[in-house]
N, C-alpha and C. Protein backbone atom coordinates (compact mmCIF):
# COMPACT_ATOMS: atom_id res chain seq x y z
N UNK A 1 -52.36 -2.12 -12.53
CA UNK A 1 -53.41 -2.87 -13.17
C UNK A 1 -53.10 -3.08 -14.65
N UNK A 2 -51.83 -3.22 -14.96
CA UNK A 2 -51.43 -3.47 -16.33
C UNK A 2 -51.94 -4.81 -16.82
N UNK A 3 -52.43 -4.85 -18.06
CA UNK A 3 -52.90 -6.09 -18.64
C UNK A 3 -54.24 -6.55 -18.09
N UNK A 4 -54.91 -5.68 -17.33
CA UNK A 4 -56.19 -6.03 -16.73
C UNK A 4 -57.27 -5.17 -17.38
N UNK A 5 -58.43 -5.73 -17.59
CA UNK A 5 -59.55 -4.99 -18.15
C UNK A 5 -59.83 -3.75 -17.32
N UNK A 6 -60.01 -2.56 -17.94
CA UNK A 6 -60.28 -1.36 -17.17
C UNK A 6 -61.64 -1.41 -16.46
N UNK A 7 -62.53 -2.27 -16.89
CA UNK A 7 -63.86 -2.36 -16.29
C UNK A 7 -63.85 -3.33 -15.12
N UNK A 8 -63.13 -4.42 -15.21
CA UNK A 8 -63.14 -5.43 -14.16
C UNK A 8 -64.43 -6.22 -14.18
N UNK A 9 -64.62 -7.03 -13.17
CA UNK A 9 -65.84 -7.81 -13.04
C UNK A 9 -66.80 -7.04 -12.16
N UNK A 10 -68.02 -6.84 -12.61
CA UNK A 10 -69.02 -6.09 -11.85
C UNK A 10 -69.82 -7.05 -11.00
N UNK A 11 -69.95 -6.75 -9.71
CA UNK A 11 -70.68 -7.63 -8.80
C UNK A 11 -71.90 -6.94 -8.20
N UNK A 12 -71.74 -5.86 -7.47
CA UNK A 12 -72.85 -5.19 -6.83
C UNK A 12 -73.49 -6.01 -5.73
N UNK A 13 -72.66 -6.72 -4.94
CA UNK A 13 -73.19 -7.57 -3.87
C UNK A 13 -72.87 -6.95 -2.51
N UNK A 14 -73.78 -7.09 -1.54
CA UNK A 14 -73.51 -6.57 -0.20
C UNK A 14 -72.33 -7.28 0.44
N UNK A 15 -71.51 -6.51 1.17
CA UNK A 15 -70.39 -7.05 1.92
C UNK A 15 -70.37 -6.40 3.30
N UNK A 16 -69.81 -7.13 4.26
CA UNK A 16 -69.61 -6.58 5.61
C UNK A 16 -68.25 -5.91 5.64
N UNK A 17 -68.22 -4.65 6.04
CA UNK A 17 -66.98 -3.87 6.04
C UNK A 17 -66.67 -3.38 7.45
N UNK A 18 -65.41 -3.52 7.84
CA UNK A 18 -64.91 -2.93 9.08
C UNK A 18 -64.19 -1.64 8.70
N UNK A 19 -64.55 -0.56 9.40
CA UNK A 19 -63.97 0.74 9.09
C UNK A 19 -63.09 1.23 10.23
N UNK A 20 -62.16 2.10 9.89
CA UNK A 20 -61.37 2.84 10.89
C UNK A 20 -61.32 4.28 10.41
N UNK A 21 -61.86 5.19 11.21
CA UNK A 21 -61.91 6.61 10.85
C UNK A 21 -62.56 6.81 9.48
N UNK A 22 -63.63 6.05 9.21
CA UNK A 22 -64.39 6.19 7.97
C UNK A 22 -63.82 5.49 6.77
N UNK A 23 -62.66 4.86 6.91
CA UNK A 23 -62.02 4.16 5.78
C UNK A 23 -62.17 2.66 5.95
N UNK A 24 -62.40 1.95 4.86
CA UNK A 24 -62.49 0.48 4.98
C UNK A 24 -61.12 -0.12 5.28
N UNK A 25 -61.07 -1.03 6.24
CA UNK A 25 -59.81 -1.71 6.57
C UNK A 25 -59.91 -3.21 6.36
N UNK A 26 -61.14 -3.71 6.27
CA UNK A 26 -61.36 -5.16 6.11
C UNK A 26 -62.77 -5.35 5.58
N UNK A 27 -62.96 -6.39 4.76
CA UNK A 27 -64.32 -6.73 4.33
C UNK A 27 -64.45 -8.23 4.17
N UNK A 28 -65.67 -8.70 4.26
CA UNK A 28 -65.96 -10.13 4.14
C UNK A 28 -66.79 -10.31 2.88
N UNK A 29 -66.29 -11.17 2.00
CA UNK A 29 -66.99 -11.48 0.75
C UNK A 29 -66.89 -12.99 0.54
N UNK A 30 -68.02 -13.60 0.29
CA UNK A 30 -68.10 -15.06 0.09
C UNK A 30 -67.38 -15.81 1.21
N UNK A 31 -67.63 -15.41 2.44
CA UNK A 31 -67.10 -16.02 3.66
C UNK A 31 -65.58 -15.93 3.79
N UNK A 32 -64.96 -15.04 3.02
CA UNK A 32 -63.52 -14.82 3.14
C UNK A 32 -63.27 -13.41 3.66
N UNK A 33 -62.29 -13.28 4.52
CA UNK A 33 -61.91 -11.97 5.05
C UNK A 33 -60.79 -11.40 4.19
N UNK A 34 -61.00 -10.19 3.69
CA UNK A 34 -60.01 -9.49 2.88
C UNK A 34 -59.50 -8.30 3.67
N UNK A 35 -58.20 -8.21 3.85
CA UNK A 35 -57.58 -7.08 4.53
C UNK A 35 -57.15 -6.05 3.50
N UNK A 36 -57.53 -4.80 3.73
CA UNK A 36 -57.16 -3.71 2.83
C UNK A 36 -55.69 -3.38 3.08
N UNK A 37 -54.91 -3.45 2.02
CA UNK A 37 -53.48 -3.17 2.11
C UNK A 37 -53.14 -1.75 1.70
N UNK A 38 -53.95 -1.22 0.77
CA UNK A 38 -53.65 0.11 0.22
C UNK A 38 -54.93 0.70 -0.38
N UNK A 39 -55.18 1.97 -0.12
CA UNK A 39 -56.29 2.67 -0.77
C UNK A 39 -55.75 3.28 -2.04
N UNK A 40 -56.28 2.84 -3.17
CA UNK A 40 -55.83 3.30 -4.48
C UNK A 40 -56.49 4.63 -4.83
N UNK A 41 -57.80 4.74 -4.55
CA UNK A 41 -58.56 5.93 -4.93
C UNK A 41 -59.80 6.03 -4.05
N UNK A 42 -60.33 7.23 -3.93
CA UNK A 42 -61.54 7.47 -3.17
C UNK A 42 -62.28 8.65 -3.79
N UNK A 43 -63.59 8.52 -4.01
CA UNK A 43 -64.39 9.62 -4.52
C UNK A 43 -65.82 9.49 -4.00
N UNK A 44 -66.55 10.58 -4.10
CA UNK A 44 -67.93 10.63 -3.61
C UNK A 44 -68.84 11.09 -4.73
N UNK A 45 -69.99 10.42 -4.84
CA UNK A 45 -71.01 10.81 -5.81
C UNK A 45 -72.33 11.01 -5.08
N UNK A 46 -73.23 11.74 -5.69
CA UNK A 46 -74.58 11.89 -5.15
C UNK A 46 -75.46 10.79 -5.70
N UNK A 47 -76.39 10.32 -4.88
CA UNK A 47 -77.35 9.34 -5.38
C UNK A 47 -78.25 10.02 -6.40
N UNK A 48 -78.60 9.31 -7.44
CA UNK A 48 -79.42 9.89 -8.51
C UNK A 48 -80.86 10.12 -8.09
N UNK A 49 -81.31 9.48 -7.01
CA UNK A 49 -82.70 9.64 -6.58
C UNK A 49 -82.89 10.76 -5.56
N UNK A 50 -81.87 11.61 -5.38
CA UNK A 50 -81.97 12.69 -4.41
C UNK A 50 -82.91 13.78 -4.89
N UNK A 51 -83.76 14.27 -3.99
CA UNK A 51 -84.67 15.35 -4.30
C UNK A 51 -84.66 16.32 -3.12
N UNK A 52 -84.38 17.61 -3.35
CA UNK A 52 -84.32 18.56 -2.24
C UNK A 52 -85.66 18.73 -1.54
N UNK A 53 -86.76 18.45 -2.23
CA UNK A 53 -88.08 18.57 -1.62
C UNK A 53 -88.35 17.45 -0.63
N UNK A 54 -87.70 16.31 -0.82
CA UNK A 54 -87.97 15.13 -0.02
C UNK A 54 -86.92 14.91 1.06
N UNK A 55 -85.67 15.19 0.75
CA UNK A 55 -84.57 14.85 1.67
C UNK A 55 -83.78 16.09 2.05
N UNK A 56 -83.50 16.22 3.35
CA UNK A 56 -82.72 17.35 3.84
C UNK A 56 -81.24 17.20 3.56
N UNK A 57 -80.72 16.00 3.74
CA UNK A 57 -79.28 15.75 3.59
C UNK A 57 -78.98 15.18 2.21
N UNK A 58 -77.81 15.52 1.71
CA UNK A 58 -77.39 14.99 0.43
C UNK A 58 -77.04 13.51 0.59
N UNK A 59 -77.80 12.63 -0.05
CA UNK A 59 -77.46 11.20 0.04
C UNK A 59 -76.26 10.90 -0.85
N UNK A 60 -75.19 10.48 -0.23
CA UNK A 60 -73.95 10.26 -0.96
C UNK A 60 -73.60 8.79 -1.04
N UNK A 61 -72.79 8.50 -2.03
CA UNK A 61 -72.16 7.20 -2.13
C UNK A 61 -70.66 7.44 -2.14
N UNK A 62 -69.98 6.84 -1.19
CA UNK A 62 -68.52 6.93 -1.13
C UNK A 62 -67.95 5.69 -1.80
N UNK A 63 -67.07 5.90 -2.75
CA UNK A 63 -66.43 4.82 -3.49
C UNK A 63 -64.98 4.71 -3.03
N UNK A 64 -64.56 3.49 -2.77
CA UNK A 64 -63.19 3.22 -2.34
C UNK A 64 -62.60 2.14 -3.25
N UNK A 65 -61.55 2.47 -3.98
CA UNK A 65 -60.83 1.45 -4.75
C UNK A 65 -59.63 1.07 -3.91
N UNK A 66 -59.54 -0.22 -3.57
CA UNK A 66 -58.51 -0.68 -2.63
C UNK A 66 -57.78 -1.90 -3.17
N UNK A 67 -56.53 -2.04 -2.75
CA UNK A 67 -55.80 -3.29 -2.93
C UNK A 67 -56.05 -4.07 -1.66
N UNK A 68 -56.50 -5.31 -1.81
CA UNK A 68 -56.82 -6.13 -0.63
C UNK A 68 -56.54 -7.58 -0.95
N UNK A 69 -56.45 -8.38 0.12
CA UNK A 69 -56.20 -9.80 -0.08
C UNK A 69 -56.68 -10.64 1.08
N UNK A 70 -56.93 -11.90 0.75
CA UNK A 70 -57.27 -12.91 1.75
C UNK A 70 -56.18 -13.98 1.68
N UNK A 71 -56.39 -15.08 2.35
CA UNK A 71 -55.40 -16.16 2.31
C UNK A 71 -55.35 -16.84 0.94
N UNK A 72 -56.41 -16.70 0.13
CA UNK A 72 -56.44 -17.39 -1.17
C UNK A 72 -56.55 -16.47 -2.37
N UNK A 73 -56.83 -15.19 -2.17
CA UNK A 73 -57.01 -14.30 -3.32
C UNK A 73 -56.57 -12.88 -2.96
N UNK A 74 -56.11 -12.16 -3.97
CA UNK A 74 -55.81 -10.75 -3.78
C UNK A 74 -56.08 -10.03 -5.09
N UNK A 75 -56.27 -8.74 -5.00
CA UNK A 75 -56.56 -7.96 -6.20
C UNK A 75 -56.96 -6.55 -5.83
N UNK A 76 -57.59 -5.89 -6.78
CA UNK A 76 -58.10 -4.54 -6.59
C UNK A 76 -59.61 -4.63 -6.56
N UNK A 77 -60.20 -3.99 -5.54
CA UNK A 77 -61.63 -4.10 -5.29
C UNK A 77 -62.22 -2.70 -5.15
N UNK A 78 -63.42 -2.51 -5.68
CA UNK A 78 -64.11 -1.24 -5.49
C UNK A 78 -65.27 -1.47 -4.54
N UNK A 79 -65.20 -0.81 -3.38
CA UNK A 79 -66.26 -0.87 -2.38
C UNK A 79 -67.06 0.41 -2.45
N UNK A 80 -68.37 0.31 -2.23
CA UNK A 80 -69.23 1.49 -2.27
C UNK A 80 -70.09 1.55 -1.02
N UNK A 81 -70.08 2.68 -0.35
CA UNK A 81 -70.87 2.88 0.86
C UNK A 81 -71.97 3.90 0.59
N UNK A 82 -73.21 3.52 0.90
CA UNK A 82 -74.37 4.40 0.72
C UNK A 82 -74.68 5.08 2.04
N UNK A 83 -74.62 6.41 2.09
CA UNK A 83 -74.83 7.14 3.34
C UNK A 83 -76.27 7.06 3.83
N UNK A 84 -77.21 6.85 2.94
CA UNK A 84 -78.62 6.77 3.35
C UNK A 84 -78.95 5.44 4.00
N UNK A 85 -78.57 4.34 3.37
CA UNK A 85 -78.90 3.01 3.88
C UNK A 85 -77.82 2.47 4.82
N UNK A 86 -76.60 3.01 4.73
CA UNK A 86 -75.48 2.49 5.51
C UNK A 86 -74.90 1.22 4.91
N UNK A 87 -75.41 0.79 3.76
CA UNK A 87 -75.00 -0.47 3.14
C UNK A 87 -73.69 -0.31 2.37
N UNK A 88 -72.87 -1.35 2.46
CA UNK A 88 -71.64 -1.45 1.68
C UNK A 88 -71.86 -2.48 0.57
N UNK A 89 -71.40 -2.16 -0.63
CA UNK A 89 -71.45 -3.10 -1.75
C UNK A 89 -70.05 -3.30 -2.30
N UNK A 90 -69.80 -4.52 -2.77
CA UNK A 90 -68.61 -4.77 -3.57
C UNK A 90 -69.05 -4.51 -5.00
N UNK A 91 -68.57 -3.41 -5.57
CA UNK A 91 -69.03 -2.99 -6.89
C UNK A 91 -68.26 -3.67 -8.02
N UNK A 92 -66.92 -3.71 -7.91
CA UNK A 92 -66.10 -4.29 -8.98
C UNK A 92 -64.89 -4.98 -8.39
N UNK A 93 -64.33 -5.91 -9.21
CA UNK A 93 -63.13 -6.62 -8.82
C UNK A 93 -62.21 -6.73 -10.03
N UNK A 94 -60.94 -6.41 -9.82
CA UNK A 94 -59.90 -6.62 -10.82
C UNK A 94 -58.94 -7.66 -10.24
N UNK A 95 -58.77 -8.78 -10.92
CA UNK A 95 -57.89 -9.84 -10.42
C UNK A 95 -56.45 -9.56 -10.77
């Protein structure tokens, strides 16, 4: 990611993700299919709204930074999966 902004472009938009053994292998964004070529990084955070009095399970967000591409674009993408809602978001993009 040389010469690229360390922050990237922030999106926070829902995306459809295909997983294999819990890892993203493909996602659809703006009607384009992106195939994951390489997982750059993976980490887990707790949701800030977690309360032990209200919720039994730790609500986590799994973050995946991946190299991916479609027929017209490629880059580094950060996908985020929320364990409570099951929703995937495209959090950031580095072109």
